Amino acid sequence: MIIDHIARMSVGTSVNDPAFVDLLRLLEEDNIWLKLSGPYYTSILGKPFSDVVARVRGLGDQLAASPKYHEKQARRGGLFRPSA
């Protein structure tokens, strides 16, 4: 399953929000993927979508710290590396 448009997380959604935690848990599964598209759906600021960039970086940081996600990526032959 592919979840698109960054799961349409609201701008105020923090990494501690239950919806965000649920999304991270889903992404540890082998058959769940997240498409980083459609930042305009949840951006309040518009281009260059800096309010969305912070959320995507937070997501990347959380995934980078997840041993289950690393195992999933190793099985699939790749590893997501968030930019600094």
Protein backbone atom coordinates (compact mmCIF):
# COMPACT_ATOMS: atom_id res chain seq x y z
CA MET A 1 0.00 0.00 0.00
CA ILE A 2 1.24 3.48 -0.79
CA ILE A 3 0.14 6.39 1.37
CA ASP A 4 0.41 9.52 -0.74
CA HIS A 5 0.65 13.25 -0.13
CA ILE A 6 2.73 12.82 3.04
CA ALA A 7 -0.39 11.25 4.61
CA ARG A 8 -1.94 14.73 4.60
CA MET A 9 -0.65 15.41 8.10
CA SER A 10 -1.85 18.76 9.37
CA VAL A 11 0.73 21.51 9.79
CA GLY A 12 0.42 21.38 13.58
CA THR A 13 1.07 17.63 13.74
CA SER A 14 4.13 16.95 15.88
CA VAL A 15 6.23 13.78 15.99
CA ASN A 16 4.50 12.98 19.31
CA ASP A 17 0.99 13.20 17.84
CA PRO A 18 -0.84 9.82 17.89
CA ALA A 19 -1.49 10.05 14.14
CA PHE A 20 2.22 10.62 13.46
CA VAL A 21 3.18 7.71 15.73
CA ASP A 22 0.66 5.48 13.94
CA LEU A 23 2.10 6.50 10.57
CA LEU A 24 5.62 5.61 11.73
CA ARG A 25 4.38 2.24 12.95
CA LEU A 26 2.75 1.56 9.58
CA LEU A 27 5.92 2.49 7.70
CA GLU A 28 7.81 -0.26 9.52
CA GLU A 29 5.65 -2.84 7.71
CA ASP A 30 7.03 -4.40 4.52
CA ASN A 31 4.00 -3.56 2.38
CA ILE A 32 3.46 0.10 3.42
CA TRP A 33 5.19 3.02 1.70
CA LEU A 34 4.86 6.79 1.97
CA LYS A 35 4.93 9.02 -1.09
CA LEU A 36 6.47 12.42 -0.38
CA SER A 37 4.23 14.38 -2.69
CA GLY A 38 1.61 17.09 -2.58
CA PRO A 39 3.10 19.47 0.00
CA TYR A 40 0.57 22.07 -1.15
CA TYR A 41 -2.27 20.04 0.40
CA THR A 42 -1.22 20.79 3.97
CA SER A 43 0.95 23.90 3.66
CA ILE A 44 -0.30 27.12 5.15
CA LEU A 45 2.67 29.16 3.93
CA GLY A 46 2.70 28.00 0.31
CA LYS A 47 5.86 27.90 -1.80
CA PRO A 48 8.57 26.95 -0.84
CA PHE A 49 6.47 24.92 1.68
CA SER A 50 8.86 25.48 4.59
CA ASP A 51 6.14 24.44 7.05
CA VAL A 52 5.95 21.05 5.32
CA VAL A 53 9.72 20.67 5.01
CA ALA A 54 10.08 20.69 8.80
CA ARG A 55 7.49 17.91 9.10
CA VAL A 56 9.16 15.76 6.43
CA ARG A 57 12.54 16.21 8.11
CA GLY A 58 10.98 15.17 11.42
CA LEU A 59 9.56 12.11 9.72
CA GLY A 60 12.96 11.28 8.23
CA ASP A 61 14.66 11.68 11.59
CA GLN A 62 12.17 9.36 13.26
CA LEU A 63 12.51 6.74 10.52
CA ALA A 64 16.31 6.95 10.63
CA ALA A 65 16.13 6.08 14.34
CA SER A 66 13.84 3.07 13.79
CA PRO A 67 15.61 -0.33 13.75
CA LYS A 68 12.52 -1.94 12.17
CA TYR A 69 12.56 0.60 9.34
CA HIS A 70 16.27 -0.08 8.72
CA GLU A 71 15.53 -3.81 8.55
CA LYS A 72 12.75 -3.16 6.06
CA GLN A 73 15.02 -1.03 3.88
CA ALA A 74 17.83 -3.59 4.02
CA ARG A 75 15.43 -6.29 2.82
CA ARG A 76 14.34 -3.99 -0.01
CA GLY A 77 17.90 -3.07 -0.99
CA GLY A 78 17.88 0.60 -0.03
CA LEU A 79 18.00 2.90 2.95
CA PHE A 80 16.31 6.26 3.29
CA ARG A 81 18.86 8.89 4.32
CA PRO A 82 17.30 12.18 5.42
CA SER A 83 19.25 15.28 4.42
CA ALA A 84 20.73 17.42 7.14
